């Protein structure tokens, strides 16, 4: 039985790990995941989805803040695993660790060489891509640059968000790995190199990138909003406070960028650099996420045509 070290952190990774556990052909000798983090306003310490799954299966779990030079890495290397499988782990793997196994594969949520980096799903939406997918690749010392073992694609629709794509790509990634891994281990798959000339990068989203630029077109802002939904969530300012947008739709309309150009008891239309957006699901500062009509019937009841967002 092939002995594997699994490395991953979010739900996407947990889906892949669960697939390997259920397959029965692989022994997971250790799981490595990010340290537990405090989340929410109450700063409750939360285990990663991968850790929760690993503990449920009585697997040893390691959580180094940084792998390189850590006692955890040395302990993992001493287990004598045949290979490493990673999926959205969130850290670089040191060369020493890669050299300690016969193979190391990564389940990456993009059609490489496009969208290398930590936020491929977010950027696929933000940039308006028509399709995305999963690539199984060999791990090398350069970020997401290894030879490709297998690929599977899926179309991106206007209804997709980061959440829906994460869920769909997790299943695709799990199935693709389970299909390709036996052939790869048997030497029946020939990995193909990536075309460096076509490589693009999608680094982790920075806080300043969450803010909406109303001078962009309605389509660009629409992609931005769904490319941040459900996390980290796009925002603008309303009455000087953060105002989050979860769902919007592009519409025809003209006006100064960020200006309210139409309002009813159930509807709010805001002008963009080209066209307009109909706000559908929002979250004012200090309030829960809500439908636009609830906002307009509550804290937003005094908003008028001519008022502006972004200030």
C-alpha atoms as a PDB file:
ATOM      1  CA  UNK A   1       0.000   0.000   0.000  1.00  0.00           C
ATOM      2  CA  UNK A   2       1.375   3.405  -0.993  1.00  0.00           C
ATOM      3  CA  UNK A   3       2.194   5.523   2.069  1.00  0.00           C
ATOM      4  CA  UNK A   4       1.204   9.176   1.725  1.00  0.00           C
ATOM      5  CA  UNK A   5       1.670  12.403   3.634  1.00  0.00           C
ATOM      6  CA  UNK A   6      -1.299  14.687   3.003  1.00  0.00           C
ATOM      7  CA  UNK A   7      -1.002  18.456   3.261  1.00  0.00           C
ATOM      8  CA  UNK A   8      -3.976  20.800   3.041  1.00  0.00           C
ATOM      9  CA  UNK A   9      -6.118  23.222   4.992  1.00  0.00           C
ATOM     10  CA  UNK A  10      -9.639  24.291   3.813  1.00  0.00           C
ATOM     11  CA  UNK A  11     -12.765  22.366   2.805  1.00  0.00           C
ATOM     12  CA  UNK A  12     -11.348  21.967  -0.714  1.00  0.00           C
ATOM     13  CA  UNK A  13      -8.449  19.986   0.765  1.00  0.00           C
ATOM     14  CA  UNK A  14     -10.673  17.983   3.086  1.00  0.00           C
ATOM     15  CA  UNK A  15     -12.682  16.736   0.103  1.00  0.00           C
ATOM     16  CA  UNK A  16      -9.466  15.443  -1.510  1.00  0.00           C
ATOM     17  CA  UNK A  17      -8.267  13.834   1.717  1.00  0.00           C
ATOM     18  CA  UNK A  18     -11.629  12.145   2.239  1.00  0.00           C
ATOM     19  CA  UNK A  19     -11.417  10.701  -1.254  1.00  0.00           C
ATOM     20  CA  UNK A  20      -8.001   9.195  -0.548  1.00  0.00           C
ATOM     21  CA  UNK A  21      -9.214   7.735   2.754  1.00  0.00           C
ATOM     22  CA  UNK A  22     -12.291   6.176   1.178  1.00  0.00           C
ATOM     23  CA  UNK A  23     -10.350   4.789  -1.774  1.00  0.00           C
ATOM     24  CA  UNK A  24      -8.594   2.186   0.347  1.00  0.00           C
ATOM     25  CA  UNK A  25      -5.455   1.890  -1.790  1.00  0.00           C
ATOM     26  CA  UNK A  26      -3.425   4.444   0.150  1.00  0.00           C
ATOM     27  CA  UNK A  27      -2.202   4.708   3.721  1.00  0.00           C
ATOM     28  CA  UNK A  28      -2.170   8.265   5.085  1.00  0.00           C
ATOM     29  CA  UNK A  29       0.730   8.209   7.541  1.00  0.00           C
ATOM     30  CA  UNK A  30       0.465  11.889   8.508  1.00  0.00           C
ATOM     31  CA  UNK A  31      -1.560  15.012   7.842  1.00  0.00           C
ATOM     32  CA  UNK A  32      -0.008  18.465   7.816  1.00  0.00           C
ATOM     33  CA  UNK A  33      -2.255  21.521   7.984  1.00  0.00           C
ATOM     34  CA  UNK A  34      -2.101  25.164   8.988  1.00  0.00           C
ATOM     35  CA  UNK A  35      -2.253  26.074  12.702  1.00  0.00           C
ATOM     36  CA  UNK A  36      -5.676  26.630  14.259  1.00  0.00           C
ATOM     37  CA  UNK A  37      -6.772  30.270  13.850  1.00  0.00           C
ATOM     38  CA  UNK A  38      -9.047  32.564  15.839  1.00  0.00           C
ATOM     39  CA  UNK A  39     -12.067  33.515  13.717  1.00  0.00           C
ATOM     40  CA  UNK A  40     -15.073  35.811  14.024  1.00  0.00           C
ATOM     41  CA  UNK A  41     -15.698  38.728  16.322  1.00  0.00           C
ATOM     42  CA  UNK A  42     -15.346  36.536  19.395  1.00  0.00           C
ATOM     43  CA  UNK A  43     -11.995  35.194  18.138  1.00  0.00           C
ATOM     44  CA  UNK A  44     -12.936  31.557  18.667  1.00  0.00           C
ATOM     45  CA  UNK A  45     -10.072  29.179  17.925  1.00  0.00           C
ATOM     46  CA  UNK A  46     -11.149  26.958  15.040  1.00  0.00           C
ATOM     47  CA  UNK A  47      -9.569  23.795  13.679  1.00  0.00           C
ATOM     48  CA  UNK A  48      -8.994  23.571   9.944  1.00  0.00           C
ATOM     49  CA  UNK A  49     -11.427  21.327   8.019  1.00  0.00           C
ATOM     50  CA  UNK A  50      -8.509  19.024   7.203  1.00  0.00           C
ATOM     51  CA  UNK A  51      -7.567  18.697  10.869  1.00  0.00           C
ATOM     52  CA  UNK A  52     -11.157  17.878  11.825  1.00  0.00           C
ATOM     53  CA  UNK A  53     -11.306  15.127   9.225  1.00  0.00           C
ATOM     54  CA  UNK A  54      -7.877  13.749  10.146  1.00  0.00           C
ATOM     55  CA  UNK A  55      -8.729  13.548  13.843  1.00  0.00           C
ATOM     56  CA  UNK A  56     -12.011  11.815  13.018  1.00  0.00           C
ATOM     57  CA  UNK A  57      -9.921   9.109  11.327  1.00  0.00           C
ATOM     58  CA  UNK A  58      -7.313   8.980  14.138  1.00  0.00           C
ATOM     59  CA  UNK A  59      -4.554  10.279  11.873  1.00  0.00           C
ATOM     60  CA  UNK A  60      -1.490  12.051  13.291  1.00  0.00           C
ATOM     61  CA  UNK A  61      -1.734  15.801  12.632  1.00  0.00           C
ATOM     62  CA  UNK A  62       1.123  18.305  12.407  1.00  0.00           C
ATOM     63  CA  UNK A  63       0.546  22.072  12.364  1.00  0.00           C
ATOM     64  CA  UNK A  64       3.812  23.987  11.940  1.00  0.00           C
ATOM     65  CA  UNK A  65       3.566  27.759  11.599  1.00  0.00           C
ATOM     66  CA  UNK A  66       6.365  27.361   9.067  1.00  0.00           C
ATOM     67  CA  UNK A  67       7.509  24.015   7.667  1.00  0.00           C
ATOM     68  CA  UNK A  68      11.101  24.858   6.823  1.00  0.00           C
ATOM     69  CA  UNK A  69      13.449  23.792   9.600  1.00  0.00           C
ATOM     70  CA  UNK A  70      10.623  22.842  11.945  1.00  0.00           C
ATOM     71  CA  UNK A  71      10.608  19.796  14.244  1.00  0.00           C
ATOM     72  CA  UNK A  72       7.299  18.848  12.621  1.00  0.00           C
ATOM     73  CA  UNK A  73       8.944  18.588   9.203  1.00  0.00           C
ATOM     74  CA  UNK A  74      11.687  16.373  10.584  1.00  0.00           C
ATOM     75  CA  UNK A  75       9.081  14.148  12.264  1.00  0.00           C
ATOM     76  CA  UNK A  76       7.102  13.828   9.043  1.00  0.00           C
ATOM     77  CA  UNK A  77      10.210  12.987   7.027  1.00  0.00           C
ATOM     78  CA  UNK A  78      11.083  10.233   9.502  1.00  0.00           C
ATOM     79  CA  UNK A  79       7.823   8.402   8.703  1.00  0.00           C
ATOM     80  CA  UNK A  80       9.216   6.993   5.466  1.00  0.00           C
ATOM     81  CA  UNK A  81       6.309   7.946   3.236  1.00  0.00           C
ATOM     82  CA  UNK A  82       6.407   7.134  -0.460  1.00  0.00           C
ATOM     83  CA  UNK A  83       4.905  10.439  -1.536  1.00  0.00           C
ATOM     84  CA  UNK A  84       3.203  13.707  -0.678  1.00  0.00           C
ATOM     85  CA  UNK A  85      -0.199  14.945  -1.837  1.00  0.00           C
ATOM     86  CA  UNK A  86      -0.995  18.622  -1.293  1.00  0.00           C
ATOM     87  CA  UNK A  87      -4.185  20.583  -1.922  1.00  0.00           C
ATOM     88  CA  UNK A  88      -4.520  24.237  -0.886  1.00  0.00           C
ATOM     89  CA  UNK A  89      -2.014  23.771   1.929  1.00  0.00           C
ATOM     90  CA  UNK A  90      -0.963  27.418   2.118  1.00  0.00           C
ATOM     91  CA  UNK A  91       2.810  27.038   2.546  1.00  0.00           C
ATOM     92  CA  UNK A  92       5.800  26.347   0.323  1.00  0.00           C
ATOM     93  CA  UNK A  93       7.292  22.882   0.665  1.00  0.00           C
ATOM     94  CA  UNK A  94      11.048  22.968   1.361  1.00  0.00           C
ATOM     95  CA  UNK A  95      13.316  21.201  -1.111  1.00  0.00           C
ATOM     96  CA  UNK A  96      14.583  18.947   1.654  1.00  0.00           C
ATOM     97  CA  UNK A  97      11.072  17.645   2.196  1.00  0.00           C
ATOM     98  CA  UNK A  98      10.428  17.146  -1.514  1.00  0.00           C
ATOM     99  CA  UNK A  99      13.696  15.236  -1.833  1.00  0.00           C
ATOM    100  CA  UNK A 100      12.718  12.871   0.984  1.00  0.00           C
ATOM    101  CA  UNK A 101       9.934  11.197  -1.012  1.00  0.00           C
ATOM    102  CA  UNK A 102       9.635   9.468  -4.364  1.00  0.00           C
ATOM    103  CA  UNK A 103       6.966  11.855  -5.628  1.00  0.00           C
ATOM    104  CA  UNK A 104       4.972  14.930  -4.619  1.00  0.00           C
ATOM    105  CA  UNK A 105       1.765  15.991  -6.356  1.00  0.00           C
ATOM    106  CA  UNK A 106      -0.358  19.082  -5.912  1.00  0.00           C
ATOM    107  CA  UNK A 107      -4.089  19.403  -6.632  1.00  0.00           C
ATOM    108  CA  UNK A 108      -4.326  22.989  -7.905  1.00  0.00           C
ATOM    109  CA  UNK A 109      -7.642  24.740  -8.570  1.00  0.00           C
ATOM    110  CA  UNK A 110      -6.889  26.258 -11.977  1.00  0.00           C
ATOM    111  CA  UNK A 111      -6.019  25.296 -15.524  1.00  0.00           C
ATOM    112  CA  UNK A 112      -2.281  25.777 -15.270  1.00  0.00           C
ATOM    113  CA  UNK A 113      -0.189  27.625 -16.237  1.00  0.00           C
ATOM    114  CA  UNK A 114      -2.966  30.195 -15.674  1.00  0.00           C
ATOM    115  CA  UNK A 115      -3.596  31.379 -12.118  1.00  0.00           C
ATOM    116  CA  UNK A 116      -0.583  30.090 -10.260  1.00  0.00           C
ATOM    117  CA  UNK A 117      -0.683  31.122  -6.609  1.00  0.00           C
ATOM    118  CA  UNK A 118      -2.929  31.109  -3.575  1.00  0.00           C
ATOM    119  CA  UNK A 119      -6.191  32.555  -4.948  1.00  0.00           C
ATOM    120  CA  UNK A 120      -6.834  30.926  -8.343  1.00  0.00           C
ATOM    121  CA  UNK A 121     -10.600  30.627  -7.872  1.00  0.00           C
ATOM    122  CA  UNK A 122     -11.018  34.246  -6.815  1.00  0.00           C
ATOM    123  CA  UNK A 123      -9.062  35.567  -9.783  1.00  0.00           C
ATOM    124  CA  UNK A 124     -10.774  33.323 -12.313  1.00  0.00           C
ATOM    125  CA  UNK A 125     -14.013  35.091 -11.369  1.00  0.00           C
ATOM    126  CA  UNK A 126     -12.568  38.584 -10.918  1.00  0.00           C
ATOM    127  CA  UNK A 127     -10.956  38.449 -14.352  1.00  0.00           C
ATOM    128  CA  UNK A 128     -14.104  37.166 -16.008  1.00  0.00           C
ATOM    129  CA  UNK A 129     -12.758  33.789 -17.155  1.00  0.00           C
ATOM    130  CA  UNK A 130     -15.221  31.597 -19.032  1.00  0.00           C
ATOM    131  CA  UNK A 131     -13.821  28.346 -17.642  1.00  0.00           C
ATOM    132  CA  UNK A 132     -11.605  27.038 -14.906  1.00  0.00           C
ATOM    133  CA  UNK A 133     -10.664  23.618 -13.593  1.00  0.00           C
ATOM    134  CA  UNK A 134      -8.145  21.544 -11.692  1.00  0.00           C
ATOM    135  CA  UNK A 135      -4.598  20.565 -12.565  1.00  0.00           C
ATOM    136  CA  UNK A 136      -2.667  17.743 -10.899  1.00  0.00           C
ATOM    137  CA  UNK A 137       0.992  18.678 -11.104  1.00  0.00           C
ATOM    138  CA  UNK A 138       4.351  17.517  -9.853  1.00  0.00           C
ATOM    139  CA  UNK A 139       5.766  19.749  -7.148  1.00  0.00           C
ATOM    140  CA  UNK A 140       8.999  21.627  -7.771  1.00  0.00           C
ATOM    141  CA  UNK A 141      10.844  24.423  -5.982  1.00  0.00           C
ATOM    142  CA  UNK A 142       9.050  27.098  -8.018  1.00  0.00           C
ATOM    143  CA  UNK A 143       5.454  28.013  -7.175  1.00  0.00           C
ATOM    144  CA  UNK A 144       2.927  25.918  -9.114  1.00  0.00           C
ATOM    145  CA  UNK A 145       5.393  25.438 -11.976  1.00  0.00           C
ATOM    146  CA  UNK A 146       5.778  21.650 -12.034  1.00  0.00           C
ATOM    147  CA  UNK A 147       4.929  19.337 -14.913  1.00  0.00           C
ATOM    148  CA  UNK A 148       1.220  18.609 -15.330  1.00  0.00           C
ATOM    149  CA  UNK A 149      -0.066  15.080 -14.730  1.00  0.00           C
ATOM    150  CA  UNK A 150      -3.789  15.570 -15.414  1.00  0.00           C
ATOM    151  CA  UNK A 151      -6.363  18.307 -16.056  1.00  0.00           C
ATOM    152  CA  UNK A 152     -10.138  18.680 -15.907  1.00  0.00           C
ATOM    153  CA  UNK A 153     -12.161  21.776 -16.767  1.00  0.00           C
ATOM    154  CA  UNK A 154     -15.562  23.257 -15.919  1.00  0.00           C
ATOM    155  CA  UNK A 155     -17.396  26.294 -17.339  1.00  0.00           C
ATOM    156  CA  UNK A 156     -17.895  29.415 -15.225  1.00  0.00           C
ATOM    157  CA  UNK A 157     -21.439  30.790 -15.323  1.00  0.00           C
ATOM    158  CA  UNK A 158     -22.803  34.154 -14.180  1.00  0.00           C
ATOM    159  CA  UNK A 159     -24.367  32.354 -11.222  1.00  0.00           C
ATOM    160  CA  UNK A 160     -20.995  31.164  -9.928  1.00  0.00           C
ATOM    161  CA  UNK A 161     -19.286  32.629  -6.869  1.00  0.00           C
ATOM    162  CA  UNK A 162     -16.096  31.681  -5.061  1.00  0.00           C
ATOM    163  CA  UNK A 163     -18.244  29.433  -2.870  1.00  0.00           C
ATOM    164  CA  UNK A 164     -19.897  27.514  -5.700  1.00  0.00           C
ATOM    165  CA  UNK A 165     -16.630  27.073  -7.582  1.00  0.00           C
ATOM    166  CA  UNK A 166     -14.793  25.902  -4.462  1.00  0.00           C
ATOM    167  CA  UNK A 167     -17.415  23.220  -3.931  1.00  0.00           C
ATOM    168  CA  UNK A 168     -17.447  22.126  -7.572  1.00  0.00           C
ATOM    169  CA  UNK A 169     -13.678  22.142  -8.006  1.00  0.00           C
ATOM    170  CA  UNK A 170     -13.172  20.190  -4.790  1.00  0.00           C
ATOM    171  CA  UNK A 171     -15.210  17.317  -6.229  1.00  0.00           C
ATOM    172  CA  UNK A 172     -13.456  17.607  -9.593  1.00  0.00           C
ATOM    173  CA  UNK A 173     -10.050  17.659  -7.893  1.00  0.00           C
ATOM    174  CA  UNK A 174     -10.839  14.645  -5.734  1.00  0.00           C
ATOM    175  CA  UNK A 175     -12.098  12.592  -8.668  1.00  0.00           C
ATOM    176  CA  UNK A 176      -9.254  13.650 -10.952  1.00  0.00           C
ATOM    177  CA  UNK A 177      -6.605  12.696  -8.388  1.00  0.00           C
ATOM    178  CA  UNK A 178      -8.173   9.325  -7.661  1.00  0.00           C
ATOM    179  CA  UNK A 179      -8.408   8.607 -11.379  1.00  0.00           C
ATOM    180  CA  UNK A 180      -4.879   9.728 -12.284  1.00  0.00           C
ATOM    181  CA  UNK A 181      -2.840   8.605  -9.265  1.00  0.00           C
ATOM    182  CA  UNK A 182      -2.818   4.839  -9.973  1.00  0.00           C
ATOM    183  CA  UNK A 183      -1.688   5.439 -13.557  1.00  0.00           C
ATOM    184  CA  UNK A 184       0.946   7.923 -12.406  1.00  0.00           C
ATOM    185  CA  UNK A 185       2.354   5.506  -9.824  1.00  0.00           C
ATOM    186  CA  UNK A 186       2.434   2.754 -12.462  1.00  0.00           C
ATOM    187  CA  UNK A 187       4.413   4.987 -14.821  1.00  0.00           C
ATOM    188  CA  UNK A 188       1.568   5.069 -17.345  1.00  0.00           C
ATOM    189  CA  UNK A 189       1.148   8.854 -17.336  1.00  0.00           C
ATOM    190  CA  UNK A 190       3.712  11.147 -18.921  1.00  0.00           C
ATOM    191  CA  UNK A 191       3.657  14.572 -17.257  1.00  0.00           C
ATOM    192  CA  UNK A 192       3.766  17.539 -19.634  1.00  0.00           C
ATOM    193  CA  UNK A 193       5.672  20.766 -18.968  1.00  0.00           C
ATOM    194  CA  UNK A 194       3.875  24.080 -18.514  1.00  0.00           C
ATOM    195  CA  UNK A 195       4.319  26.874 -21.045  1.00  0.00           C
ATOM    196  CA  UNK A 196       6.050  29.594 -19.031  1.00  0.00           C
ATOM    197  CA  UNK A 197       5.047  32.205 -21.621  1.00  0.00           C
ATOM    198  CA  UNK A 198       1.389  31.647 -20.705  1.00  0.00           C
ATOM    199  CA  UNK A 199       1.837  31.695 -16.924  1.00  0.00           C
ATOM    200  CA  UNK A 200      -0.263  34.143 -14.897  1.00  0.00           C
ATOM    201  CA  UNK A 201      -0.276  34.666 -11.148  1.00  0.00           C
ATOM    202  CA  UNK A 202      -3.102  34.919  -8.630  1.00  0.00           C
ATOM    203  CA  UNK A 203      -1.615  35.745  -5.225  1.00  0.00           C
ATOM    204  CA  UNK A 204      -3.622  35.826  -2.021  1.00  0.00           C
ATOM    205  CA  UNK A 205      -6.190  38.630  -1.924  1.00  0.00           C
ATOM    206  CA  UNK A 206      -4.949  41.717  -0.067  1.00  0.00           C
ATOM    207  CA  UNK A 207      -7.341  43.857   2.030  1.00  0.00           C
ATOM    208  CA  UNK A 208      -7.063  46.850  -0.303  1.00  0.00           C
ATOM    209  CA  UNK A 209      -8.229  44.703  -3.212  1.00  0.00           C
ATOM    210  CA  UNK A 210     -11.581  44.062  -1.532  1.00  0.00           C
ATOM    211  CA  UNK A 211     -12.723  47.653  -2.017  1.00  0.00           C
ATOM    212  CA  UNK A 212     -14.983  48.386  -4.987  1.00  0.00           C
ATOM    213  CA  UNK A 213     -13.874  50.895  -7.614  1.00  0.00           C
ATOM    214  CA  UNK A 214     -17.120  52.399  -8.881  1.00  0.00           C
ATOM    215  CA  UNK A 215     -15.377  53.841 -11.951  1.00  0.00           C
ATOM    216  CA  UNK A 216     -15.053  50.311 -13.326  1.00  0.00           C
ATOM    217  CA  UNK A 217     -17.733  48.962 -15.657  1.00  0.00           C
ATOM    218  CA  UNK A 218     -20.797  47.204 -14.270  1.00  0.00           C
ATOM    219  CA  UNK A 219     -19.456  43.893 -15.567  1.00  0.00           C
ATOM    220  CA  UNK A 220     -16.064  44.368 -13.902  1.00  0.00           C
ATOM    221  CA  UNK A 221     -17.657  45.190 -10.550  1.00  0.00           C
ATOM    222  CA  UNK A 222     -20.107  42.288 -10.942  1.00  0.00           C
ATOM    223  CA  UNK A 223     -17.121  39.951 -11.403  1.00  0.00           C
ATOM    224  CA  UNK A 224     -15.324  41.589  -8.481  1.00  0.00           C
ATOM    225  CA  UNK A 225     -18.284  41.076  -6.126  1.00  0.00           C
ATOM    226  CA  UNK A 226     -18.813  37.403  -6.985  1.00  0.00           C
ATOM    227  CA  UNK A 227     -15.046  36.871  -6.969  1.00  0.00           C
ATOM    228  CA  UNK A 228     -15.084  37.868  -3.273  1.00  0.00           C
ATOM    229  CA  UNK A 229     -18.283  36.023  -2.260  1.00  0.00           C
ATOM    230  CA  UNK A 230     -18.505  34.497   0.349  1.00  0.00           C
ATOM    231  CA  UNK A 231     -14.989  35.551   1.366  1.00  0.00           C
ATOM    232  CA  UNK A 232     -13.290  37.929   1.855  1.00  0.00           C
ATOM    233  CA  UNK A 233     -16.340  39.980   0.579  1.00  0.00           C
ATOM    234  CA  UNK A 234     -16.168  43.112  -1.577  1.00  0.00           C
ATOM    235  CA  UNK A 235     -16.995  46.374   0.143  1.00  0.00           C
ATOM    236  CA  UNK A 236     -17.543  50.054  -0.431  1.00  0.00           C
ATOM    237  CA  UNK A 237     -18.344  52.946   1.918  1.00  0.00           C
ATOM    238  CA  UNK A 238     -21.781  54.233   2.885  1.00  0.00           C
ATOM    239  CA  UNK A 239     -21.997  57.157   5.287  1.00  0.00           C
ATOM    240  CA  UNK A 240     -18.300  56.697   5.931  1.00  0.00           C
ATOM    241  CA  UNK A 241     -18.638  53.086   7.086  1.00  0.00           C
ATOM    242  CA  UNK A 242     -17.857  49.777   5.437  1.00  0.00           C
ATOM    243  CA  UNK A 243     -20.737  48.428   3.367  1.00  0.00           C
ATOM    244  CA  UNK A 244     -20.357  44.879   2.045  1.00  0.00           C
ATOM    245  CA  UNK A 245     -21.806  43.658  -1.241  1.00  0.00           C
ATOM    246  CA  UNK A 246     -22.566  39.953  -1.705  1.00  0.00           C
ATOM    247  CA  UNK A 247     -24.808  39.941  -4.766  1.00  0.00           C
ATOM    248  CA  UNK A 248     -25.341  42.461  -7.576  1.00  0.00           C
ATOM    249  CA  UNK A 249     -26.526  42.289 -11.178  1.00  0.00           C
ATOM    250  CA  UNK A 250     -25.362  44.413 -14.133  1.00  0.00           C
ATOM    251  CA  UNK A 251     -28.012  46.743 -15.550  1.00  0.00           C
ATOM    252  CA  UNK A 252     -28.300  49.589 -18.032  1.00  0.00           C
ATOM    253  CA  UNK A 253     -28.097  53.073 -16.530  1.00  0.00           C
ATOM    254  CA  UNK A 254     -26.142  56.309 -16.484  1.00  0.00           C
ATOM    255  CA  UNK A 255     -24.869  58.563 -13.752  1.00  0.00           C
ATOM    256  CA  UNK A 256     -21.845  59.547 -11.735  1.00  0.00           C
ATOM    257  CA  UNK A 257     -19.902  56.468 -10.620  1.00  0.00           C
ATOM    258  CA  UNK A 258     -21.176  55.267  -7.232  1.00  0.00           C
ATOM    259  CA  UNK A 259     -24.317  57.425  -7.370  1.00  0.00           C
ATOM    260  CA  UNK A 260     -27.789  56.070  -6.610  1.00  0.00           C
ATOM    261  CA  UNK A 261     -29.786  56.587  -9.828  1.00  0.00           C
ATOM    262  CA  UNK A 262     -33.001  54.718  -8.972  1.00  0.00           C
ATOM    263  CA  UNK A 263     -34.757  53.616  -5.787  1.00  0.00           C
ATOM    264  CA  UNK A 264     -37.984  51.861  -4.860  1.00  0.00           C
ATOM    265  CA  UNK A 265     -39.037  50.112  -1.640  1.00  0.00           C
ATOM    266  CA  UNK A 266     -37.442  46.911  -2.936  1.00  0.00           C
ATOM    267  CA  UNK A 267     -34.766  48.076  -5.355  1.00  0.00           C
ATOM    268  CA  UNK A 268     -31.597  50.146  -5.554  1.00  0.00           C
ATOM    269  CA  UNK A 269     -29.690  50.976  -8.739  1.00  0.00           C
ATOM    270  CA  UNK A 270     -26.174  52.424  -8.537  1.00  0.00           C
ATOM    271  CA  UNK A 271     -24.242  53.914 -11.471  1.00  0.00           C
ATOM    272  CA  UNK A 272     -20.812  52.578 -12.426  1.00  0.00           C
ATOM    273  CA  UNK A 273     -18.143  53.795 -14.826  1.00  0.00           C
ATOM    274  CA  UNK A 274     -20.084  52.080 -17.610  1.00  0.00           C
ATOM    275  CA  UNK A 275     -23.686  51.073 -16.905  1.00  0.00           C
ATOM    276  CA  UNK A 276     -25.138  50.390 -13.471  1.00  0.00           C
ATOM    277  CA  UNK A 277     -25.571  47.711 -10.815  1.00  0.00           C
ATOM    278  CA  UNK A 278     -28.695  46.528  -9.061  1.00  0.00           C
ATOM    279  CA  UNK A 279     -27.788  45.738  -5.439  1.00  0.00           C
ATOM    280  CA  UNK A 280     -29.362  42.499  -4.214  1.00  0.00           C
ATOM    281  CA  UNK A 281     -27.653  41.238  -1.028  1.00  0.00           C
ATOM    282  CA  UNK A 282     -25.718  43.631   1.216  1.00  0.00           C
ATOM    283  CA  UNK A 283     -24.354  44.026   4.731  1.00  0.00           C
ATOM    284  CA  UNK A 284     -24.221  47.459   6.366  1.00  0.00           C
ATOM    285  CA  UNK A 285     -21.662  48.028   9.125  1.00  0.00           C
ATOM    286  CA  UNK A 286     -22.688  46.376  12.385  1.00  0.00           C
ATOM    287  CA  UNK A 287     -25.631  44.567  10.768  1.00  0.00           C
ATOM    288  CA  UNK A 288     -26.173  41.035   9.435  1.00  0.00           C
ATOM    289  CA  UNK A 289     -26.153  40.170   5.760  1.00  0.00           C
ATOM    290  CA  UNK A 290     -29.559  41.059   4.262  1.00  0.00           C
ATOM    291  CA  UNK A 291     -31.608  41.364   1.083  1.00  0.00           C
ATOM    292  CA  UNK A 292     -31.697  44.865  -0.377  1.00  0.00           C
ATOM    293  CA  UNK A 293     -35.381  45.351   0.463  1.00  0.00           C
ATOM    294  CA  UNK A 294     -34.628  44.702   4.141  1.00  0.00           C
ATOM    295  CA  UNK A 295     -31.876  47.300   4.008  1.00  0.00           C
ATOM    296  CA  UNK A 296     -34.165  49.836   2.321  1.00  0.00           C
ATOM    297  CA  UNK A 297     -36.911  49.212   4.868  1.00  0.00           C
ATOM    298  CA  UNK A 298     -34.444  49.479   7.751  1.00  0.00           C
ATOM    299  CA  UNK A 299     -31.197  51.398   8.184  1.00  0.00           C
ATOM    300  CA  UNK A 300     -31.191  52.400   4.511  1.00  0.00           C
ATOM    301  CA  UNK A 301     -34.680  53.880   4.408  1.00  0.00           C
ATOM    302  CA  UNK A 302     -33.372  57.451   4.194  1.00  0.00           C
ATOM    303  CA  UNK A 303     -31.121  56.780   1.194  1.00  0.00           C
ATOM    304  CA  UNK A 304     -32.164  58.899  -1.807  1.00  0.00           C
ATOM    305  CA  UNK A 305     -31.485  59.166  -5.522  1.00  0.00           C
ATOM    306  CA  UNK A 306     -28.361  61.286  -5.882  1.00  0.00           C
ATOM    307  CA  UNK A 307     -26.666  59.875  -2.776  1.00  0.00           C
ATOM    308  CA  UNK A 308     -23.332  58.173  -3.414  1.00  0.00           C
ATOM    309  CA  UNK A 309     -21.488  55.098  -2.276  1.00  0.00           C
ATOM    310  CA  UNK A 310     -17.712  55.076  -1.854  1.00  0.00           C
ATOM    311  CA  UNK A 311     -17.338  58.067   0.482  1.00  0.00           C
END
